[in-house]
Amino acid sequence: MPRAIWSGAISFGLVTVPVKLYSAVNRRTVRFHQLSGTSGMRVAQKRVDSQSGEEVPYENIVKGYELAPDRFVVIEPAELDTLQPEKTRAIEIEDFVELAQIDPIYYDHPYYLAPGPGGAKPYRLLLEAMRDTGKVAIARVVIRAKELLVAIRPMGDVLEMATMLFADEVIPPRQIDELPDPSEVKTSKRELGIAEQLVDSLAGDFEPQKYRDTYREEVLALIERKAQGEKIAMQPPPEETREPAPDLMSALKASLDAVRAQADAVPGDGAAKPRKPAAKRAAAGKAPAKKAAAPRAAAGKAGASRGAGASRAPAKKPGGSRAADKKRGGSRATAKR
């Protein structure tokens, strides 16, 4: 059960909305402890003086800012206390802006805002007003003695608050030396056309549940097998072979052909994968609509003769006879067998 990590109020104009703050993220990183390789016991971290090697008690540790290698300015805790922002319980909204104006690079950590005691109605009023106007609130809040810049936006029936980076925390791309000058890199219209077709063939709706952290799942599976006593055979990593970079035009065409072939494949349950209308497919491939279906049908028969696990389905032609449909249905059954 999530627990509130902060409580306060959203303040804009003369309106106050009591809210509670909940983290919207549960990090799934696999964490390991450091153990002694001989005894198997945990290794304790100690603070030691880099010059004498002696352990330094916590009460003797001070903060230092490095000006140059081995040159520090010592700052006392009391000095920092005088500079800390005033602790308030208010999320002070400064501006309402368009969501499209905020570059995602500025977002840091997401949270949920839930209404506090007596805040249900003003909370709902603010949520609906922001949703109807399509605006995002930019505000400041002090949490755990740190002032944060945040963005608040409606997300269904809840307000989502994301902490943001300040402008001087984002590195300008122009500081990256490896970025080439756009004026020095030329692309042809033909290359751009095929690249756009490749992008269009991979276009779809964003489904977050479709993407999984496969590395974390494999690590957890390895831990489970070792915990049950299974011995893991270590396989040497495959040798990396560097192949010459393919011609850009050839790589684009091969990529587009591979995506089209995958889109035309029949899923394991035998149901054909939905595809774009034949006219649109033909327009994308610069070929007539009637001729576009023939290569896919041939590819489906070839896949069935090879006994591949994922066969290709013959493309249906509009207005075909029942006999032809029956024949195609039989070929799909043969491919499944």
Protein backbone atom coordinates (compact mmCIF):
# COMPACT_ATOMS: atom_id res chain seq x y z
CA MET A 1 0.00 0.00 0.00
CA PRO A 2 1.60 3.32 -1.04
CA ARG A 3 2.26 5.79 1.76
CA ALA A 4 2.25 9.57 1.50
CA ILE A 5 5.77 10.99 1.70
CA TRP A 6 4.73 14.65 2.04
CA SER A 7 1.60 16.67 2.68
CA GLY A 8 0.82 20.30 1.96
CA ALA A 9 -1.31 22.36 -0.38
CA ILE A 10 -1.34 23.63 -3.95
CA SER A 11 -1.62 27.40 -3.96
CA PHE A 12 -2.59 29.56 -6.94
CA GLY A 13 -4.19 32.94 -6.60
CA LEU A 14 -6.38 32.80 -3.52
CA VAL A 15 -7.18 29.08 -3.98
CA THR A 16 -5.64 26.48 -1.67
CA VAL A 17 -5.91 22.75 -2.46
CA PRO A 18 -4.80 20.40 0.37
CA VAL A 19 -2.81 17.51 -1.15
CA LYS A 20 -0.68 14.49 -0.25
CA LEU A 21 2.35 13.40 -2.26
CA TYR A 22 2.91 9.79 -3.40
CA SER A 23 5.77 8.45 -5.48
CA ALA A 24 4.59 7.34 -8.93
CA VAL A 25 7.63 5.10 -9.53
CA ASN A 26 8.80 1.86 -7.95
CA ARG A 27 12.34 1.33 -9.22
CA ARG A 28 12.96 -2.30 -10.21
CA THR A 29 16.75 -2.25 -10.18
CA VAL A 30 18.35 -5.47 -8.93
CA ARG A 31 20.63 -4.50 -6.02
CA PHE A 32 23.50 -6.56 -4.65
CA HIS A 33 25.37 -6.36 -1.33
CA GLN A 34 29.14 -6.59 -1.09
CA LEU A 35 30.27 -9.79 0.68
CA SER A 36 33.62 -11.18 1.70
CA GLY A 37 34.73 -13.79 -0.83
CA THR A 38 36.19 -15.97 1.93
CA SER A 39 33.67 -15.76 4.79
CA GLY A 40 30.56 -14.78 2.84
CA MET A 41 29.77 -12.02 5.36
CA ARG A 42 28.76 -8.48 4.41
CA VAL A 43 31.53 -5.92 4.00
CA ALA A 44 31.19 -2.81 6.19
CA GLN A 45 31.88 0.58 4.68
CA LYS A 46 34.15 2.77 6.79
CA ARG A 47 35.12 6.44 6.51
CA VAL A 48 38.89 6.65 6.71
CA ASP A 49 41.40 9.46 6.47
CA SER A 50 43.05 9.15 3.04
CA GLN A 51 46.40 10.27 4.51
CA SER A 52 46.60 8.47 7.87
CA GLY A 53 44.31 5.54 7.02
CA GLU A 54 42.52 5.92 10.39
CA GLU A 55 38.74 5.77 10.67
CA VAL A 56 37.07 9.18 11.07
CA PRO A 57 34.11 9.42 13.50
CA TYR A 58 30.92 10.75 11.91
CA GLU A 59 30.83 13.81 14.21
CA ASN A 60 34.27 14.89 12.91
CA ILE A 61 33.24 14.89 9.25
CA VAL A 62 32.69 18.28 7.59
CA LYS A 63 31.66 19.26 4.07
CA GLY A 64 34.24 20.53 1.60
CA TYR A 65 33.88 21.94 -1.91
CA GLU A 66 36.76 21.14 -4.27
CA LEU A 67 38.18 24.23 -5.97
CA ALA A 68 41.11 22.39 -7.58
CA PRO A 69 42.76 19.00 -7.08
CA ASP A 70 43.39 18.61 -3.31
CA ARG A 71 42.18 22.17 -2.59
CA PHE A 72 38.92 22.43 -0.66
CA VAL A 73 36.78 25.10 0.93
CA VAL A 74 35.33 23.82 4.23
CA ILE A 75 31.65 24.68 4.82
CA GLU A 76 30.13 24.33 8.28
CA PRO A 77 26.60 22.87 8.67
CA ALA A 78 25.46 26.04 10.45
CA GLU A 79 26.51 28.10 7.44
CA LEU A 80 24.38 25.96 5.15
CA ASP A 81 21.41 26.19 7.54
CA THR A 82 21.29 29.96 7.06
CA LEU A 83 20.93 29.48 3.28
CA GLN A 84 18.30 26.75 3.28
CA PRO A 85 14.98 27.72 1.67
CA GLU A 86 12.10 28.52 3.95
CA LYS A 87 10.22 25.36 4.87
CA THR A 88 6.63 25.71 3.72
CA ARG A 89 3.79 23.34 2.96
CA ALA A 90 2.77 25.07 -0.23
CA ILE A 91 3.24 24.17 -3.87
CA GLU A 92 3.30 27.68 -5.31
CA ILE A 93 2.10 27.73 -8.93
CA GLU A 94 3.90 30.43 -10.92
CA ASP A 95 2.73 29.78 -14.49
CA PHE A 96 0.35 27.72 -16.60
CA VAL A 97 1.94 26.63 -19.89
CA GLU A 98 1.24 24.33 -22.84
CA LEU A 99 2.38 20.73 -22.35
CA ALA A 100 3.97 20.66 -25.82
CA GLN A 101 6.27 23.54 -24.79
CA ILE A 102 8.04 21.41 -22.15
CA ASP A 103 10.88 19.30 -23.52
CA PRO A 104 10.86 15.84 -21.82
CA ILE A 105 14.57 16.29 -21.02
CA TYR A 106 13.55 18.57 -18.13
CA TYR A 107 11.47 15.92 -16.34
CA ASP A 108 13.12 14.13 -13.42
CA HIS A 109 10.92 12.09 -11.04
CA PRO A 110 7.13 11.59 -11.21
CA TYR A 111 4.75 11.70 -8.25
CA TYR A 112 1.00 11.54 -7.69
CA LEU A 113 -0.89 14.25 -5.83
CA ALA A 114 -3.97 13.09 -3.94
CA PRO A 115 -6.45 15.42 -2.20
CA GLY A 116 -5.87 15.98 1.50
CA PRO A 117 -8.60 16.37 4.15
CA GLY A 118 -11.23 18.80 2.89
CA GLY A 119 -9.52 19.15 -0.50
CA ALA A 120 -11.67 16.90 -2.69
CA LYS A 121 -13.71 19.66 -4.34
CA PRO A 122 -10.94 22.25 -5.02
CA TYR A 123 -8.70 19.36 -6.18
CA ARG A 124 -11.33 18.26 -8.69
CA LEU A 125 -11.93 21.85 -9.78
CA LEU A 126 -8.24 22.43 -10.51
CA LEU A 127 -7.91 19.08 -12.30
CA GLU A 128 -10.88 19.74 -14.60
CA ALA A 129 -9.84 23.35 -15.28
CA MET A 130 -6.35 22.24 -16.33
CA ARG A 131 -7.72 19.39 -18.42
CA ASP A 132 -10.24 21.60 -20.24
CA THR A 133 -7.68 24.32 -20.97
CA GLY A 134 -4.87 21.88 -21.82
CA LYS A 135 -2.47 23.64 -19.47
CA VAL A 136 0.34 22.41 -17.23
CA ALA A 137 1.21 24.18 -13.98
CA ILE A 138 4.83 25.14 -13.30
CA ALA A 139 5.44 25.56 -9.57
CA ARG A 140 8.04 25.58 -6.79
CA VAL A 141 7.95 23.50 -3.62
CA VAL A 142 10.35 22.83 -0.74
CA ILE A 143 10.64 19.13 0.18
CA ARG A 144 13.25 17.86 2.64
CA ALA A 145 15.04 21.22 2.81
CA LYS A 146 15.44 21.41 -0.97
CA GLU A 147 13.63 23.74 -3.33
CA LEU A 148 12.26 21.93 -6.37
CA LEU A 149 10.87 23.06 -9.69
CA VAL A 150 7.84 20.93 -10.59
CA ALA A 151 5.27 20.47 -13.34
CA ILE A 152 1.70 19.49 -12.44
CA ARG A 153 -0.66 18.07 -15.05
CA PRO A 154 -3.96 16.15 -15.09
CA MET A 155 -3.57 12.43 -15.73
CA GLY A 156 -6.98 10.82 -15.90
CA ASP A 157 -8.60 11.49 -12.53
CA VAL A 158 -5.38 12.29 -10.68
CA LEU A 159 -2.90 15.15 -10.67
CA GLU A 160 0.64 14.06 -11.55
CA MET A 161 3.58 16.13 -10.33
CA ALA A 162 7.01 15.70 -11.88
CA THR A 163 10.14 17.28 -10.44
CA MET A 164 12.12 19.11 -13.10
CA LEU A 165 15.70 20.03 -13.87
CA PHE A 166 16.62 23.69 -13.91
CA ALA A 167 17.79 25.11 -17.23
CA ASP A 168 21.45 25.32 -16.15
CA GLU A 169 21.41 21.61 -15.23
CA VAL A 170 20.75 20.54 -18.82
CA ILE A 171 23.88 20.30 -20.98
CA PRO A 172 23.44 22.15 -24.30
CA PRO A 173 24.00 19.80 -27.27
CA ARG A 174 26.41 22.29 -28.82
CA GLN A 175 28.95 21.36 -26.14
CA ILE A 176 29.29 17.84 -27.61
CA ASP A 177 32.33 17.87 -29.87
CA GLU A 178 31.37 14.68 -31.72
CA LEU A 179 28.18 16.19 -33.18
CA PRO A 180 28.80 16.90 -36.89
CA ASP A 181 27.90 20.20 -38.49
CA PRO A 182 24.51 19.71 -40.23
CA SER A 183 25.75 21.73 -43.20
CA GLU A 184 28.55 19.20 -43.76
CA VAL A 185 26.30 16.12 -43.94
CA LYS A 186 24.17 15.85 -47.08
CA THR A 187 21.33 13.38 -47.67
CA SER A 188 19.57 12.64 -50.94
CA LYS A 189 15.81 12.79 -51.50
CA ARG A 190 15.81 9.08 -52.32
CA GLU A 191 17.52 8.18 -49.04
CA LEU A 192 15.13 10.42 -47.12
CA GLY A 193 12.12 8.88 -48.87
CA ILE A 194 13.10 5.32 -47.94
CA ALA A 195 13.95 6.39 -44.38
CA GLU A 196 10.49 7.96 -44.05
CA GLN A 197 8.89 4.74 -45.35
CA LEU A 198 10.86 2.77 -42.74
CA VAL A 199 9.67 5.13 -39.98
CA ASP A 200 6.07 4.87 -41.22
CA SER A 201 6.22 1.06 -41.33
CA LEU A 202 7.27 0.96 -37.66
CA ALA A 203 4.77 3.60 -36.53
CA GLY A 204 2.11 2.65 -33.99
CA ASP A 205 0.51 3.53 -30.68
CA PHE A 206 2.60 3.69 -27.52
CA GLU A 207 1.82 0.66 -25.33
CA PRO A 208 4.04 0.84 -22.20
CA GLN A 209 3.14 -2.73 -21.14
CA LYS A 210 4.81 -4.02 -24.32
CA TYR A 211 8.31 -3.02 -23.20
CA ARG A 212 10.03 -5.02 -20.46
CA ASP A 213 13.39 -4.95 -18.74
CA THR A 214 14.58 -8.30 -20.11
CA TYR A 215 18.03 -7.98 -18.49
CA ARG A 216 16.51 -7.58 -15.00
CA GLU A 217 14.22 -10.57 -15.63
CA GLU A 218 17.18 -12.72 -16.70
CA VAL A 219 19.21 -11.66 -13.64
CA LEU A 220 16.31 -12.56 -11.30
CA ALA A 221 15.87 -15.91 -13.07
CA LEU A 222 19.62 -16.59 -12.62
CA ILE A 223 19.36 -15.73 -8.90
CA GLU A 224 16.36 -18.05 -8.50
CA ARG A 225 18.14 -20.97 -10.20
CA LYS A 226 21.28 -20.51 -8.11
CA ALA A 227 19.21 -20.21 -4.92
CA GLN A 228 17.68 -23.61 -5.73
CA GLY A 229 21.15 -25.15 -6.05
CA GLU A 230 21.47 -25.28 -9.81
CA LYS A 231 25.01 -25.03 -11.13
CA ILE A 232 25.36 -22.46 -13.88
CA ALA A 233 27.69 -23.40 -16.74
CA MET A 234 29.68 -20.37 -17.77
CA GLN A 235 29.80 -19.97 -21.52
CA PRO A 236 32.59 -17.90 -23.09
CA PRO A 237 31.30 -14.72 -24.67
CA PRO A 238 31.12 -14.86 -28.47
CA GLU A 239 33.97 -13.23 -30.28
CA GLU A 240 33.08 -9.90 -31.79
CA THR A 241 33.59 -9.76 -35.51
CA ARG A 242 33.57 -6.36 -37.09
CA GLU A 243 31.91 -6.37 -40.45
CA PRO A 244 32.32 -3.53 -42.90
CA ALA A 245 29.61 -0.90 -42.63
CA PRO A 246 26.93 -1.54 -45.27
CA ASP A 247 26.03 1.02 -47.88
CA LEU A 248 23.43 3.38 -46.36
CA MET A 249 20.98 2.94 -49.22
CA SER A 250 21.28 -0.86 -49.10
CA ALA A 251 20.83 -0.87 -45.32
CA LEU A 252 17.69 1.27 -45.60
CA LYS A 253 16.17 -1.00 -48.24
CA ALA A 254 17.05 -4.17 -46.32
CA SER A 255 15.55 -2.74 -43.13
CA LEU A 256 12.34 -1.76 -44.91
CA ASP A 257 12.03 -5.21 -46.54
CA ALA A 258 12.58 -6.93 -43.18
CA VAL A 259 9.89 -4.84 -41.47
CA ARG A 260 7.41 -5.51 -44.28
CA ALA A 261 8.15 -9.24 -44.15
CA GLN A 262 7.59 -9.29 -40.39
CA ALA A 263 4.33 -7.34 -40.73
CA ASP A 264 3.04 -9.87 -43.29
CA ALA A 265 3.81 -12.89 -41.08
CA VAL A 266 0.97 -14.87 -39.48
CA PRO A 267 1.00 -14.99 -35.63
CA GLY A 268 1.11 -18.36 -33.86
CA ASP A 269 -2.65 -18.52 -33.30
CA GLY A 270 -3.28 -18.56 -37.05
CA ALA A 271 -4.98 -15.15 -37.10
CA ALA A 272 -3.58 -12.84 -39.72
CA LYS A 273 -1.90 -9.73 -38.38
CA PRO A 274 -3.80 -6.57 -39.39
CA ARG A 275 -2.09 -4.71 -42.18
CA LYS A 276 -2.54 -1.44 -43.96
CA PRO A 277 -4.87 -1.38 -46.98
CA ALA A 278 -3.28 -2.71 -50.16
CA ALA A 279 -3.44 0.69 -51.83
CA LYS A 280 -1.44 2.30 -49.01
CA ARG A 281 1.08 -0.54 -48.99
CA ALA A 282 1.50 -0.23 -52.73
CA ALA A 283 1.93 3.52 -52.52
CA ALA A 284 4.61 3.10 -49.86
CA GLY A 285 6.45 0.56 -52.00
CA LYS A 286 6.03 2.48 -55.27
CA ALA A 287 4.25 -0.56 -56.79
CA PRO A 288 0.66 -1.21 -58.08
CA ALA A 289 -1.76 -2.55 -55.48
CA LYS A 290 -2.56 -5.77 -57.35
CA LYS A 291 1.08 -6.76 -57.77
CA ALA A 292 1.92 -6.03 -54.14
CA ALA A 293 0.03 -9.09 -52.86
CA ALA A 294 1.74 -11.67 -55.07
CA PRO A 295 5.22 -11.63 -53.49
CA ARG A 296 3.69 -11.95 -50.01
CA ALA A 297 1.64 -14.96 -51.08
CA ALA A 298 4.72 -16.60 -52.58
CA ALA A 299 6.70 -15.85 -49.44
CA GLY A 300 3.96 -17.46 -47.31
CA LYS A 301 4.07 -20.68 -49.36
CA ALA A 302 7.85 -20.78 -49.21
CA GLY A 303 7.76 -20.34 -45.40
CA ALA A 304 5.29 -23.24 -45.09
CA SER A 305 7.46 -25.56 -47.26
CA ARG A 306 10.48 -24.80 -45.09
CA GLY A 307 8.52 -25.78 -41.96
CA ALA A 308 9.21 -22.48 -40.22
CA GLY A 309 7.62 -21.85 -36.82
CA ALA A 310 6.03 -18.58 -37.96
CA SER A 311 4.55 -19.04 -41.46
CA ARG A 312 3.40 -16.39 -43.86
CA ALA A 313 -0.24 -16.02 -44.85
CA PRO A 314 -1.26 -15.54 -48.51
CA ALA A 315 -2.64 -12.07 -48.98
CA LYS A 316 -6.40 -11.95 -49.61
CA LYS A 317 -7.58 -10.34 -52.83
CA PRO A 318 -10.80 -8.32 -52.67
CA GLY A 319 -13.72 -9.97 -54.36
CA GLY A 320 -12.16 -13.46 -54.48
CA SER A 321 -14.36 -16.56 -55.00
CA ARG A 322 -15.38 -18.94 -52.22
CA ALA A 323 -13.38 -21.71 -53.84
CA ALA A 324 -10.26 -19.58 -53.68
CA ASP A 325 -10.94 -18.77 -50.04
CA LYS A 326 -11.37 -22.46 -49.26
CA LYS A 327 -8.10 -23.25 -51.03
CA ARG A 328 -6.29 -20.55 -49.07
CA GLY A 329 -7.75 -21.85 -45.79
CA GLY A 330 -6.46 -25.32 -46.61
CA SER A 331 -2.97 -24.02 -47.31
CA ARG A 332 -2.91 -22.28 -43.91
CA ALA A 333 -3.96 -25.52 -42.19
CA THR A 334 -1.17 -27.36 -44.01
CA ALA A 335 1.31 -24.73 -42.90
CA LYS A 336 0.21 -25.14 -39.26
CA ARG A 337 0.66 -28.92 -39.43
